[in-house]
Amino acid sequence: MALSLSNFLYAIALLTTLASANTVTYDWDIGWTRANPDGLAERPVMGINGQWPLPLLNVTKGDRIIVNLNNKLGNQSTSMHFHGMFQNGTNEMDGPVGVTQCDVPPGSSFKLNFTIDQPGTYWYHSHTRGQYPDGLRGQLVIHDPENPYRGQFDAEVPLTLSDWYHDEMPGLLSSFVSYKNPTGAEPVPNSALMNDTQNLTLPVEPGRTYFFRLTNIGAFAGQYFWIEGHTMKIIEVDGVYTEPAEASMIYVTAAQRYGFLVTMKDYSATNFAMMGSMDTDLFDVVPSTLNYNVTGWLMYDDAAPQPAAAILDEFEPLDDFSLVPQDGMEFAFFNDITYTTPVVPTLYSALTTGANASDVTVYGDYTNAYVLEKDQIVEIILNNDDGGKHPFHLHGHNFQAVYRGPDNDGHYNPANMTDFPAIPMRRDTLMVRPSANFVIRFKADNPGIWFFHCHIDWHLATGLAATMIEAPLEMQKTLSIPDDHLAVCAQGGVPVAGNAAGKTIDVLDLKGQNRSVKPLPAGFTAKGIVALVFSCASAFLGMAVIAWYGAMPLSSKELAAAKRFVAKHGGVRE
């Protein structure tokens, strides 16, 4: 599939002069269409205004985004999250269902309205259980008139990597979280995609330098990425500018982003392969029919062939922990609980429980909620007791990557640690290695409810998540919920006031709260237990222990009770 360079070029004036802020409005009908991106199986996909792949969004730092979202799926509720946005002062626009809002039911509408105050490479996706792998995800590019690397490149290239499934997510989730899957094997993707297609061709001109913006919008697989015969100069990760760092290969987990410069050869009659290769270490079984690679080409000459990529004996990506932020900012076990969506979205509990919002009790026993004081320095130690890799994402913040242990490093022991980076890299998604650990640090300077979760969608869907309740009394002074947000809750039968159980009188009474998974049947392997009850250990150093597991839907009895509550107590109460 040819990719017109005109789709990637933007006026250089945008990058050399300050632009006045604009309001960018999107009217989106979310509905079903059909696609066959790998040429192997046509299937239903979730599109926008009948279009798939989803549109690339180009905005400028300072712009206001308004999304008028209409759910026309007919058979599923939905939501939208702009991944990596801090949503400072607009926590209600963040998007995770059960955390800051309710699901948008079929036939309902919902408005997102927020200002972009950070530049970089991002993406947008549904934050409804297991939904975005069915196609509801796209790339977001935020241009920066004050980009410190402006003038060093001639054009931009937005690029995505993803894994792709031929089957729809509801069925795959049912087979994954099932007694019939005692080994806990995650469904293996059918294909790898580049810009939601295969055999991508990118016309390039000799001697020019291109700013590639690469995003892994996949559900599961991390991918190795390289361009044969060319060197990448990394200048941004997850929206944070870095000191220039050269790399011949990078590893991009699900949800991570990289910005890098690539200078073309002064002359070439040869075209060069761009490669994405799924990390098969994540798969329990690699089917013999699986092509885990996806190839695109830098096209110097349309008349020349598209050569096959060279076979590699091993992957040697850049160690992303060695990256340094350009601004030089310096340092300033499971507890047997499964994260379970509360009866009332956590943000609404924080806004409607008065002074008790500072008491972690009101957020329930199964939401893994932790109350943070304003401007507190928070350090999270995550000990991975699982033998797999996991990318963890924090909403509302970039964190400092303080330490990451090598494979099989075991639990973090601060007594053994002496070598920390003087200027730790900042990002919003970081991978923990198998049977190892990491330490991250951030300042609680953005009042709101912020999700912390694994971005492998199978693991998020089974509850590998926690909630940070950041300065709840400050939230009560500054945040309010739009009427259309409350309306979709009422249409879905979800209470919008009270504690995690929907209690508005005695908010410390959690009777009726949603509970986590039941005990597992005999015969499950350790990895099968991980699939249903995840075994990472994590802690706030000196503050609290974080734990989390799989979400459960409301029972019919609980849903009926929720509907009765809305009928009696509709709207947010004082």
Protein backbone atom coordinates (compact mmCIF):
# COMPACT_ATOMS: atom_id res chain seq x y z
CA MET A 1 0.00 0.00 0.00
CA ALA A 2 1.52 3.34 -1.06
CA LEU A 3 1.52 6.12 1.52
CA SER A 4 1.48 9.63 0.05
CA LEU A 5 4.15 11.83 1.56
CA SER A 6 1.69 14.70 1.45
CA ASN A 7 -0.14 13.04 4.33
CA PHE A 8 2.97 13.57 6.45
CA LEU A 9 4.10 17.05 5.50
CA TYR A 10 3.18 20.07 7.55
CA ALA A 11 4.17 23.68 7.10
CA ILE A 12 7.55 24.33 8.69
CA ALA A 13 6.19 27.71 9.67
CA LEU A 14 4.09 25.83 12.21
CA LEU A 15 7.30 24.80 13.93
CA THR A 16 9.15 28.11 13.69
CA THR A 17 6.50 30.60 14.75
CA LEU A 18 4.13 30.69 17.67
CA ALA A 19 0.63 29.81 16.55
CA SER A 20 -2.49 31.16 18.15
CA ALA A 21 -4.56 28.56 19.95
CA ASN A 22 -7.49 27.11 18.04
CA THR A 23 -10.55 25.11 18.98
CA VAL A 24 -10.54 21.83 17.07
CA THR A 25 -13.93 20.14 16.99
CA TYR A 26 -14.52 16.51 16.01
CA ASP A 27 -18.01 15.12 15.44
CA TRP A 28 -17.61 11.36 15.77
CA ASP A 29 -20.15 8.64 15.14
CA ILE A 30 -18.64 5.46 16.61
CA GLY A 31 -19.98 2.53 14.62
CA TRP A 32 -19.20 -0.73 12.88
CA THR A 33 -17.57 -1.06 9.49
CA ARG A 34 -15.49 -3.82 7.88
CA ALA A 35 -11.78 -4.10 7.13
CA ASN A 36 -9.10 -6.60 6.08
CA PRO A 37 -5.79 -4.92 7.03
CA ASP A 38 -3.56 -8.00 6.70
CA GLY A 39 -5.31 -9.36 3.60
CA LEU A 40 -6.12 -12.62 5.39
CA ALA A 41 -9.56 -12.13 6.94
CA GLU A 42 -12.20 -9.44 6.58
CA ARG A 43 -13.90 -8.70 9.88
CA PRO A 44 -16.07 -6.09 11.67
CA VAL A 45 -14.08 -3.18 13.12
CA MET A 46 -15.03 -0.11 15.14
CA GLY A 47 -14.71 2.97 12.99
CA ILE A 48 -15.36 6.69 13.18
CA ASN A 49 -17.87 8.16 10.73
CA GLY A 50 -17.72 4.95 8.74
CA GLN A 51 -13.93 5.21 8.37
CA TRP A 52 -11.22 2.76 9.39
CA PRO A 53 -8.31 3.11 10.01
CA LEU A 54 -9.20 5.94 12.35
CA PRO A 55 -8.14 9.48 11.43
CA LEU A 56 -4.72 10.79 12.36
CA LEU A 57 -5.28 13.77 14.67
CA ASN A 58 -2.97 16.77 14.20
CA VAL A 59 -3.24 19.61 16.69
CA THR A 60 -0.92 22.22 18.17
CA LYS A 61 0.05 22.76 21.77
CA GLY A 62 -2.43 25.22 23.26
CA ASP A 63 -5.37 24.07 21.13
CA ARG A 64 -8.69 23.10 22.67
CA ILE A 65 -10.13 19.75 21.57
CA ILE A 66 -13.88 19.14 21.54
CA VAL A 67 -15.12 15.66 20.68
CA ASN A 68 -18.85 15.15 20.19
CA LEU A 69 -19.02 11.37 20.52
CA ASN A 70 -22.15 9.53 19.41
CA ASN A 71 -22.32 5.79 20.14
CA LYS A 72 -23.84 4.11 17.10
CA LEU A 73 -22.37 0.66 17.73
CA GLY A 74 -25.80 -0.70 18.57
CA ASN A 75 -24.55 -3.61 20.66
CA GLN A 76 -21.76 -2.19 22.88
CA SER A 77 -21.13 0.74 25.18
CA THR A 78 -17.96 2.71 24.57
CA SER A 79 -15.65 5.49 25.83
CA MET A 80 -12.61 7.50 24.72
CA HIS A 81 -9.25 8.18 26.39
CA PHE A 82 -6.55 10.48 25.03
CA HIS A 83 -3.53 8.50 26.15
CA GLY A 84 -0.78 10.51 27.83
CA MET A 85 -2.79 13.70 28.34
CA PHE A 86 -2.35 15.04 31.87
CA GLN A 87 -5.91 16.48 31.83
CA ASN A 88 -4.78 19.03 34.40
CA GLY A 89 -8.00 20.55 35.75
CA THR A 90 -10.18 18.36 33.49
CA ASN A 91 -9.94 14.97 35.19
CA GLU A 92 -13.56 14.25 34.20
CA MET A 93 -12.40 14.11 30.55
CA ASP A 94 -9.78 11.38 31.09
CA GLY A 95 -11.98 8.49 29.93
CA PRO A 96 -11.42 5.25 31.92
CA VAL A 97 -14.83 3.75 32.66
CA GLY A 98 -15.61 3.30 36.35
CA VAL A 99 -12.75 5.63 37.26
CA THR A 100 -13.70 9.06 35.90
CA GLN A 101 -16.92 8.34 34.02
CA CYS A 102 -19.60 5.85 33.02
CA ASP A 103 -19.73 3.87 29.80
CA VAL A 104 -21.56 5.61 26.96
CA PRO A 105 -24.48 3.28 26.09
CA PRO A 106 -25.58 2.60 22.50
CA GLY A 107 -27.62 5.50 21.19
CA SER A 108 -26.16 7.98 23.68
CA SER A 109 -23.88 11.00 23.17
CA PHE A 110 -20.99 12.34 25.21
CA LYS A 111 -18.75 15.40 24.93
CA LEU A 112 -15.03 15.61 25.66
CA ASN A 113 -13.70 19.14 26.05
CA PHE A 114 -10.13 19.90 27.14
CA THR A 115 -7.06 22.00 26.33
CA ILE A 116 -3.83 20.50 25.03
CA ASP A 117 -0.96 21.84 27.15
CA GLN A 118 1.78 19.37 26.24
CA PRO A 119 3.51 18.56 22.94
CA GLY A 120 4.58 15.19 21.59
CA THR A 121 3.45 11.87 20.18
CA TYR A 122 0.32 10.31 21.68
CA TRP A 123 -2.73 8.24 20.75
CA TYR A 124 -6.42 7.91 21.54
CA HIS A 125 -8.41 4.77 22.26
CA SER A 126 -11.47 3.30 23.91
CA HIS A 127 -11.07 2.68 27.64
CA THR A 128 -13.99 0.26 27.80
CA ARG A 129 -13.13 -3.31 28.75
CA GLY A 130 -11.13 -5.01 25.99
CA GLN A 131 -12.46 -2.80 23.19
CA TYR A 132 -9.68 -0.94 21.42
CA PRO A 133 -8.13 -4.05 19.78
CA ASP A 134 -11.34 -4.19 17.73
CA GLY A 135 -10.13 -1.06 16.00
CA LEU A 136 -11.12 1.90 18.18
CA ARG A 137 -7.63 3.44 18.41
CA GLY A 138 -5.64 6.01 16.44
CA GLN A 139 -2.63 8.29 16.62
CA LEU A 140 -2.54 11.84 18.03
CA VAL A 141 0.27 14.24 17.11
CA ILE A 142 0.67 17.49 19.05
CA HIS A 143 2.96 19.94 17.29
CA ASP A 144 5.17 22.27 19.26
CA PRO A 145 6.02 25.76 17.96
CA GLU A 146 8.90 25.73 20.46
CA ASN A 147 10.26 22.27 19.64
CA PRO A 148 13.97 22.39 20.63
CA TYR A 149 14.77 20.31 17.53
CA ARG A 150 12.89 22.53 15.08
CA GLY A 151 14.94 23.25 12.00
CA GLN A 152 16.66 19.86 12.20
CA PHE A 153 14.09 18.01 10.06
CA ASP A 154 12.28 18.59 6.79
CA ALA A 155 9.08 16.59 7.24
CA GLU A 156 7.20 14.41 9.73
CA VAL A 157 6.22 10.75 9.42
CA PRO A 158 3.48 9.46 11.76
CA LEU A 159 3.87 5.70 12.09
CA THR A 160 2.08 3.05 14.14
CA LEU A 161 2.78 -0.57 15.00
CA SER A 162 0.12 -2.94 16.25
CA ASP A 163 -0.87 -6.55 16.68
CA TRP A 164 -4.08 -7.70 14.97
CA TYR A 165 -6.69 -10.35 15.76
CA HIS A 166 -9.10 -11.89 13.28
CA ASP A 167 -11.63 -12.67 16.04
CA GLU A 168 -13.56 -10.04 17.96
CA MET A 169 -12.61 -9.20 21.54
CA PRO A 170 -15.75 -10.33 23.44
CA GLY A 171 -15.22 -13.93 22.33
CA LEU A 172 -11.47 -13.80 22.87
CA LEU A 173 -11.90 -12.42 26.38
CA SER A 174 -14.39 -15.15 27.23
CA SER A 175 -11.94 -17.85 26.15
CA PHE A 176 -9.04 -16.16 27.97
CA VAL A 177 -10.80 -15.73 31.32
CA SER A 178 -12.18 -19.25 31.44
CA TYR A 179 -11.82 -22.50 33.34
CA LYS A 180 -11.01 -23.98 29.93
CA ASN A 181 -7.76 -21.96 29.90
CA PRO A 182 -5.98 -23.26 33.02
CA THR A 183 -2.54 -22.31 31.63
CA GLY A 184 -3.54 -18.64 31.36
CA ALA A 185 -2.38 -18.39 27.74
CA GLU A 186 -3.23 -15.01 26.21
CA PRO A 187 -4.67 -15.17 22.70
CA VAL A 188 -1.86 -14.90 20.14
CA PRO A 189 -2.35 -12.19 17.48
CA ASN A 190 -2.83 -13.27 13.89
CA SER A 191 -0.67 -10.55 12.32
CA ALA A 192 1.51 -7.51 12.86
CA LEU A 193 0.53 -4.21 11.22
CA MET A 194 2.32 -0.97 10.33
CA ASN A 195 0.00 2.02 9.91
CA ASP A 196 -2.86 -0.49 10.09
CA THR A 197 -1.72 -2.28 6.95
CA GLN A 198 1.09 -4.41 5.57
CA ASN A 199 3.67 -3.75 2.83
CA LEU A 200 3.68 -0.04 3.60
CA THR A 201 5.74 2.15 1.23
CA LEU A 202 7.03 5.57 2.25
CA PRO A 203 8.40 7.83 -0.51
CA VAL A 204 11.56 9.64 0.65
CA GLU A 205 13.95 12.12 -0.91
CA PRO A 206 17.75 11.78 -0.71
CA GLY A 207 19.50 13.96 1.83
CA ARG A 208 16.34 14.97 3.68
CA THR A 209 15.79 14.37 7.41
CA TYR A 210 12.45 13.01 8.60
CA PHE A 211 10.94 13.19 12.09
CA PHE A 212 9.32 9.78 12.68
CA ARG A 213 6.61 9.63 15.34
CA LEU A 214 6.20 5.95 16.25
CA THR A 215 3.38 4.61 18.46
CA ASN A 216 2.60 1.02 19.46
CA ILE A 217 -1.21 0.97 19.45
CA GLY A 218 -1.39 -2.80 19.93
CA ALA A 219 -3.19 -4.78 22.61
CA PHE A 220 -0.49 -7.24 23.62
CA ALA A 221 2.80 -7.54 21.77
CA GLY A 222 5.80 -5.31 22.21
CA GLN A 223 7.65 -4.88 18.93
CA TYR A 224 11.26 -4.48 17.87
CA PHE A 225 11.67 -1.77 15.24
CA TRP A 226 14.56 -0.92 12.93
CA ILE A 227 15.29 0.58 9.50
CA GLU A 228 17.91 -1.24 7.49
CA GLY A 229 20.89 0.87 6.45
CA HIS A 230 19.80 3.89 8.54
CA THR A 231 20.37 5.17 12.07
CA MET A 232 17.61 6.55 14.29
CA LYS A 233 18.36 9.58 16.48
CA ILE A 234 15.86 9.51 19.35
CA ILE A 235 14.67 12.96 20.47
CA GLU A 236 11.36 12.18 22.25
CA VAL A 237 9.71 9.40 24.25
CA ASP A 238 6.11 9.48 25.50
CA GLY A 239 5.89 13.23 24.88
CA VAL A 240 9.16 14.09 26.69
CA TYR A 241 12.09 15.52 24.70
CA THR A 242 15.34 13.61 25.19
CA GLU A 243 18.98 14.37 24.66
CA PRO A 244 19.80 12.95 21.18
CA ALA A 245 20.51 9.22 21.37
CA GLU A 246 21.45 7.10 18.36
CA ALA A 247 19.98 3.65 17.94
CA SER A 248 19.94 0.98 15.26
CA MET A 249 16.96 -0.78 16.91
CA ILE A 250 14.35 0.11 19.55
CA TYR A 251 11.85 -1.94 21.55
CA VAL A 252 8.37 -0.43 21.79
CA THR A 253 5.92 -1.92 24.31
CA ALA A 254 2.18 -1.59 23.90
CA ALA A 255 1.27 2.11 24.47
CA GLN A 256 4.83 3.50 24.26
CA ARG A 257 5.86 6.20 21.78
CA TYR A 258 9.19 7.25 20.29
CA GLY A 259 10.14 10.28 18.21
CA PHE A 260 13.34 9.98 16.19
CA LEU A 261 15.15 11.65 13.31
CA VAL A 262 16.35 9.67 10.28
CA THR A 263 18.51 11.30 7.61
CA MET A 264 18.26 9.77 4.16
CA LYS A 265 21.29 8.84 2.11
CA ASP A 266 22.57 11.50 -0.27
CA TYR A 267 21.91 9.14 -3.17
CA SER A 268 20.40 5.69 -3.43
CA ALA A 269 18.95 3.54 -6.18
CA THR A 270 18.00 1.00 -3.50
CA ASN A 271 14.95 0.87 -1.28
CA PHE A 272 15.31 -0.14 2.39
CA ALA A 273 13.13 -2.25 4.64
CA MET A 274 11.52 -0.82 7.80
CA MET A 275 10.79 -3.68 10.17
CA GLY A 276 8.45 -4.33 13.05
CA SER A 277 8.82 -7.71 14.76
CA MET A 278 6.48 -8.86 17.54
CA ASP A 279 8.19 -10.04 20.73
CA THR A 280 7.30 -13.73 20.65
CA ASP A 281 8.66 -14.23 24.16
CA LEU A 282 5.25 -12.94 25.25
CA PHE A 283 3.41 -15.80 23.51
CA ASP A 284 2.87 -19.19 25.12
CA VAL A 285 2.85 -20.79 21.68
CA VAL A 286 4.01 -19.42 18.33
CA PRO A 287 1.75 -20.94 15.65
CA SER A 288 3.63 -22.28 12.65
CA THR A 289 1.46 -20.11 10.39
CA LEU A 290 2.21 -16.86 12.23
CA ASN A 291 4.26 -14.23 10.46
CA TYR A 292 5.25 -12.13 13.45
CA ASN A 293 7.01 -9.54 11.28
CA VAL A 294 5.61 -6.60 9.35
CA THR A 295 7.65 -4.88 6.67
CA GLY A 296 7.49 -1.41 5.16
CA TRP A 297 9.98 0.30 2.88
CA LEU A 298 11.74 3.62 2.50
CA MET A 299 11.17 4.18 -1.20
CA TYR A 300 14.04 6.07 -2.84
CA ASP A 301 13.13 4.73 -6.28
CA ASP A 302 9.65 3.50 -7.23
CA ALA A 303 11.12 1.52 -10.10
CA ALA A 304 13.51 -0.40 -7.85
CA PRO A 305 12.49 -3.63 -6.05
CA GLN A 306 11.37 -3.84 -2.43
CA PRO A 307 14.05 -6.11 -0.94
CA ALA A 308 13.30 -8.62 1.80
CA ALA A 309 14.71 -7.73 5.19
CA ALA A 310 17.89 -9.45 6.31
CA ILE A 311 17.48 -12.29 8.80
CA LEU A 312 18.75 -11.40 12.28
CA ASP A 313 20.31 -13.89 14.69
CA GLU A 314 19.26 -11.85 17.72
CA PHE A 315 17.62 -8.56 18.70
CA GLU A 316 19.78 -5.89 20.31
CA PRO A 317 17.61 -2.82 20.91
CA LEU A 318 18.70 0.35 22.65
CA ASP A 319 18.28 0.18 26.43
CA ASP A 320 15.63 2.88 26.88
CA PHE A 321 16.65 3.25 30.52
CA SER A 322 19.81 4.99 29.28
CA LEU A 323 17.86 7.89 27.74
CA VAL A 324 18.14 11.34 29.35
CA PRO A 325 15.40 14.01 29.31
CA GLN A 326 16.37 17.12 27.39
CA ASP A 327 15.22 19.51 30.14
CA GLY A 328 17.64 17.97 32.67
CA MET A 329 15.11 17.62 35.50
CA GLU A 330 16.88 15.91 38.41
CA PHE A 331 15.65 14.03 41.44
CA ALA A 332 13.57 15.93 43.65
CA PHE A 333 2.21 -8.43 46.76
CA PHE A 334 -0.45 -8.65 45.70
CA ASN A 335 -2.63 -8.50 48.75
CA ASP A 336 -5.06 -10.99 47.25
CA ILE A 337 -7.28 -8.25 45.82
CA THR A 338 -8.54 -8.01 42.25
CA TYR A 339 -9.27 -4.54 40.88
CA THR A 340 -13.03 -4.45 40.46
CA THR A 341 -15.06 -1.62 38.94
CA PRO A 342 -17.04 0.13 41.71
CA VAL A 343 -20.80 0.75 41.64
CA VAL A 344 -20.08 4.52 41.44
CA PRO A 345 -17.22 5.82 39.25
CA THR A 346 -14.37 6.75 41.58
CA LEU A 347 -14.23 10.39 40.51
CA TYR A 348 -17.91 10.80 41.39
CA SER A 349 -17.29 9.27 44.82
CA ALA A 350 -14.48 11.77 45.42
CA LEU A 351 -16.75 14.68 44.50
CA THR A 352 -19.82 13.60 46.53
CA THR A 353 -18.51 12.29 49.85
CA GLY A 354 -17.42 15.59 51.40
CA ALA A 355 -14.59 15.45 53.93
CA ASN A 356 -14.76 11.65 53.83
CA ALA A 357 -13.24 11.79 50.32
CA SER A 358 -9.84 11.75 52.04
CA ASP A 359 -10.70 8.42 53.69
CA VAL A 360 -9.63 5.57 51.39
CA THR A 361 -12.49 3.47 52.80
CA VAL A 362 -15.11 5.23 50.64
CA TYR A 363 -13.48 3.93 47.44
CA GLY A 364 -14.10 0.32 48.35
CA ASP A 365 -12.15 -2.80 49.13
CA TYR A 366 -11.60 -3.82 45.50
CA THR A 367 -10.56 -0.67 43.63
CA ASN A 368 -7.00 -0.59 44.98
CA ALA A 369 -7.38 3.09 45.79
CA TYR A 370 -4.63 5.16 47.39
CA VAL A 371 -5.19 8.71 48.63
CA LEU A 372 -2.31 11.08 47.85
CA GLU A 373 -1.72 14.48 49.39
CA LYS A 374 -1.26 17.45 47.09
CA ASP A 375 2.36 17.87 45.89
CA GLN A 376 3.44 14.71 47.69
CA ILE A 377 6.45 12.91 46.16
CA VAL A 378 5.26 9.40 45.38
CA GLU A 379 7.52 6.44 44.69
CA ILE A 380 6.13 3.15 43.40
CA ILE A 381 8.12 -0.04 43.66
CA LEU A 382 6.72 -2.72 41.41
CA ASN A 383 7.94 -6.29 41.95
CA ASN A 384 6.95 -8.59 39.11
CA ASP A 385 6.39 -12.14 40.36
CA ASP A 386 5.37 -13.23 36.86
CA GLY A 387 7.73 -14.63 34.21
CA GLY A 388 6.51 -12.19 31.54
CA LYS A 389 7.12 -8.58 30.51
CA HIS A 390 4.50 -5.95 31.35
CA PRO A 391 4.17 -2.28 30.25
CA PHE A 392 2.68 -0.15 33.05
CA HIS A 393 1.01 3.18 32.28
CA LEU A 394 0.16 6.00 34.69
CA HIS A 395 -2.61 8.44 33.74
CA GLY A 396 -2.25 12.13 34.48
CA HIS A 397 1.54 12.22 34.87
CA ASN A 398 4.96 11.57 33.47
CA PHE A 399 7.01 9.67 36.05
CA GLN A 400 10.75 9.43 36.53
CA ALA A 401 12.20 5.98 35.79
CA VAL A 402 14.44 5.63 38.84
CA TYR A 403 15.46 1.97 38.55
CA ARG A 404 14.67 -1.11 36.48
CA GLY A 405 16.06 -4.51 37.38
CA PRO A 406 17.31 -7.03 34.81
CA ASP A 407 15.53 -10.32 34.07
CA ASN A 408 15.11 -12.50 37.16
CA ASP A 409 16.29 -9.71 39.47
CA GLY A 410 13.65 -10.67 42.03
CA HIS A 411 12.20 -8.14 44.45
CA TYR A 412 13.71 -4.68 44.70
CA ASN A 413 16.09 -4.29 47.64
CA PRO A 414 17.11 -0.66 48.22
CA ALA A 415 19.98 -1.80 50.45
CA ASN A 416 21.70 -3.27 47.39
CA MET A 417 21.22 -0.22 45.15
CA THR A 418 23.90 2.45 44.72
CA ASP A 419 23.80 3.33 41.01
CA PHE A 420 20.86 5.55 40.08
CA PRO A 421 20.66 7.87 37.05
CA ALA A 422 21.46 11.47 37.97
CA ILE A 423 18.84 12.66 35.48
CA PRO A 424 16.23 9.88 35.19
CA MET A 425 14.17 9.61 32.01
CA ARG A 426 10.54 10.66 32.27
CA ARG A 427 7.72 8.90 30.46
CA ASP A 428 4.22 7.57 31.11
CA THR A 429 4.68 3.89 30.18
CA LEU A 430 7.52 1.64 31.39
CA MET A 431 8.12 -2.08 30.97
CA VAL A 432 8.98 -4.31 33.92
CA ARG A 433 11.15 -7.29 32.99
CA PRO A 434 10.32 -10.95 33.81
CA SER A 435 10.60 -11.81 37.51
CA ALA A 436 12.14 -8.40 38.13
CA ASN A 437 11.18 -4.93 39.35
CA PHE A 438 11.15 -1.23 38.69
CA VAL A 439 10.97 1.98 40.71
CA ILE A 440 9.18 5.07 39.43
CA ARG A 441 8.63 8.47 41.02
CA PHE A 442 6.22 11.35 40.41
CA LYS A 443 4.90 14.47 42.12
CA ALA A 444 1.21 14.49 43.02
CA ASP A 445 0.65 17.93 41.50
CA ASN A 446 -2.43 17.16 39.36
CA PRO A 447 -5.56 16.69 41.53
CA GLY A 448 -7.74 13.95 40.09
CA ILE A 449 -8.39 10.22 39.91
CA TRP A 450 -5.60 8.58 37.93
CA PHE A 451 -5.48 4.97 36.76
CA PHE A 452 -2.23 2.98 37.02
CA HIS A 453 -2.41 -0.21 34.98
CA CYS A 454 -0.76 -2.76 32.72
CA HIS A 455 -1.34 -1.80 29.08
CA ILE A 456 -1.49 -5.37 27.83
CA ASP A 457 -5.22 -5.29 27.26
CA TRP A 458 -5.74 -8.90 28.39
CA HIS A 459 -4.27 -8.00 31.78
CA LEU A 460 -6.15 -4.73 32.14
CA ALA A 461 -9.40 -6.52 31.32
CA THR A 462 -8.66 -8.99 34.13
CA GLY A 463 -7.90 -6.23 36.60
CA LEU A 464 -4.20 -5.40 36.68
CA ALA A 465 -4.88 -1.83 37.81
CA ALA A 466 -4.96 0.57 40.74
CA THR A 467 -6.37 4.06 41.30
CA MET A 468 -4.50 7.08 42.63
CA ILE A 469 -6.87 9.44 44.51
CA GLU A 470 -4.92 12.67 44.23
CA ALA A 471 -5.87 15.60 46.50
CA PRO A 472 -9.61 14.80 46.63
CA LEU A 473 -10.57 17.89 48.64
CA GLU A 474 -8.85 20.08 46.03
CA MET A 475 -10.87 18.27 43.36
CA GLN A 476 -14.10 19.21 45.10
CA LYS A 477 -13.17 22.90 44.79
CA THR A 478 -12.26 22.84 41.10
CA LEU A 479 -14.00 19.99 39.25
CA SER A 480 -17.61 19.59 38.15
CA ILE A 481 -19.32 16.96 36.05
CA PRO A 482 -21.03 17.99 32.79
CA ASP A 483 -24.72 17.13 32.44
CA ASP A 484 -24.16 14.85 29.44
CA HIS A 485 -21.68 12.79 31.48
CA LEU A 486 -24.30 12.30 34.18
CA ALA A 487 -26.92 11.48 31.57
CA VAL A 488 -25.03 8.47 30.19
CA CYS A 489 -24.73 7.14 33.74
CA ALA A 490 -28.48 7.41 34.22
CA GLN A 491 -29.10 5.71 30.87
CA GLY A 492 -26.76 2.90 31.89
CA GLY A 493 -28.30 2.53 35.34
CA VAL A 494 -25.13 3.65 37.17
CA PRO A 495 -25.33 5.74 40.38
CA VAL A 496 -23.39 9.01 40.33
CA ALA A 497 -23.09 9.76 44.05
CA GLY A 498 -21.84 8.09 47.18
CA ASN A 499 -19.14 5.59 47.99
CA ALA A 500 -17.99 2.56 45.99
CA ALA A 501 -21.20 0.78 46.96
CA GLY A 502 -23.45 3.72 46.06
CA LYS A 503 -24.16 4.66 49.68
CA THR A 504 -24.79 8.38 50.18
CA ILE A 505 -25.73 8.52 53.88
CA ASP A 506 -23.14 6.35 55.63
CA VAL A 507 -20.32 6.53 53.10
CA LEU A 508 -18.13 4.24 55.20
CA ASP A 509 -20.66 1.40 54.77
CA LEU A 510 -19.53 -0.75 51.82
CA LYS A 511 -22.30 -3.31 51.92
CA GLY A 512 -23.34 -3.99 48.33
CA GLN A 513 -20.01 -3.09 46.74
CA ASN A 514 -18.85 -5.06 43.70
CA ARG A 515 -16.50 -7.82 44.74
CA SER A 516 -13.52 -9.46 43.07
CA VAL A 517 -13.28 -12.88 41.50
CA LYS A 518 -14.23 -16.04 43.34
CA PRO A 519 -11.66 -18.71 44.32
CA LEU A 520 -10.20 -20.52 41.32
CA PRO A 521 -11.01 -24.15 40.53
CA ALA A 522 -8.36 -26.80 41.07
CA GLY A 523 -5.99 -27.60 38.23
CA PHE A 524 -4.87 -24.09 37.28
CA THR A 525 -1.18 -23.60 36.59
CA ALA A 526 0.71 -20.63 38.00
CA LYS A 527 0.28 -18.75 34.71
CA GLY A 528 -3.41 -19.62 34.66
CA ILE A 529 -3.75 -18.08 38.08
CA VAL A 530 -1.92 -15.03 36.73
CA ALA A 531 -4.55 -14.76 33.99
CA LEU A 532 -7.35 -14.50 36.51
CA VAL A 533 -5.55 -13.29 39.62
CA PHE A 534 -2.40 -11.45 38.57
CA SER A 535 0.77 -11.91 40.61
CA CYS A 536 2.73 -8.69 40.47
CA ALA A 537 3.68 -7.11 43.77
CA SER A 538 3.76 -3.35 44.03
CA ALA A 539 4.12 -0.77 46.77
CA PHE A 540 4.27 2.91 47.54
CA LEU A 541 7.56 3.09 49.38
CA GLY A 542 6.81 3.91 53.01
CA MET A 543 3.19 4.77 52.20
CA ALA A 544 0.96 1.90 51.17
CA VAL A 545 0.84 -1.37 49.30
CA ILE A 546 -0.77 -1.45 45.86
CA ALA A 547 -2.54 -4.60 44.74
CA TRP A 548 -4.97 -5.36 42.02
CA TYR A 549 -6.84 -8.03 40.03
CA GLY A 550 -9.65 -8.70 37.51
CA ALA A 551 -12.80 -6.70 37.10
CA MET A 552 -16.20 -8.33 37.41
CA PRO A 553 -19.42 -7.13 35.82
CA LEU A 554 -22.42 -6.23 37.94
CA SER A 555 -24.63 -9.16 38.72
CA SER A 556 -28.25 -8.86 37.58
CA LYS A 557 -29.27 -8.29 41.20
CA GLU A 558 -26.65 -5.55 41.68
CA LEU A 559 -27.55 -3.90 38.37
CA ALA A 560 -31.23 -3.84 39.34
CA ALA A 561 -30.30 -2.25 42.65
CA ALA A 562 -28.19 0.35 40.83
CA LYS A 563 -31.09 1.21 38.55
CA ARG A 564 -33.37 1.65 41.55
CA PHE A 565 -30.81 3.93 43.14
CA VAL A 566 -30.60 6.16 40.06
CA ALA A 567 -34.39 6.31 39.81
CA LYS A 568 -34.58 7.46 43.43
CA HIS A 569 -31.43 9.59 43.71
CA GLY A 570 -30.68 10.67 40.12
CA GLY A 571 -27.91 13.26 39.72
CA VAL A 572 -25.05 14.27 41.96
CA ARG A 573 -26.11 15.06 45.52
CA GLU A 574 -24.46 17.39 47.96
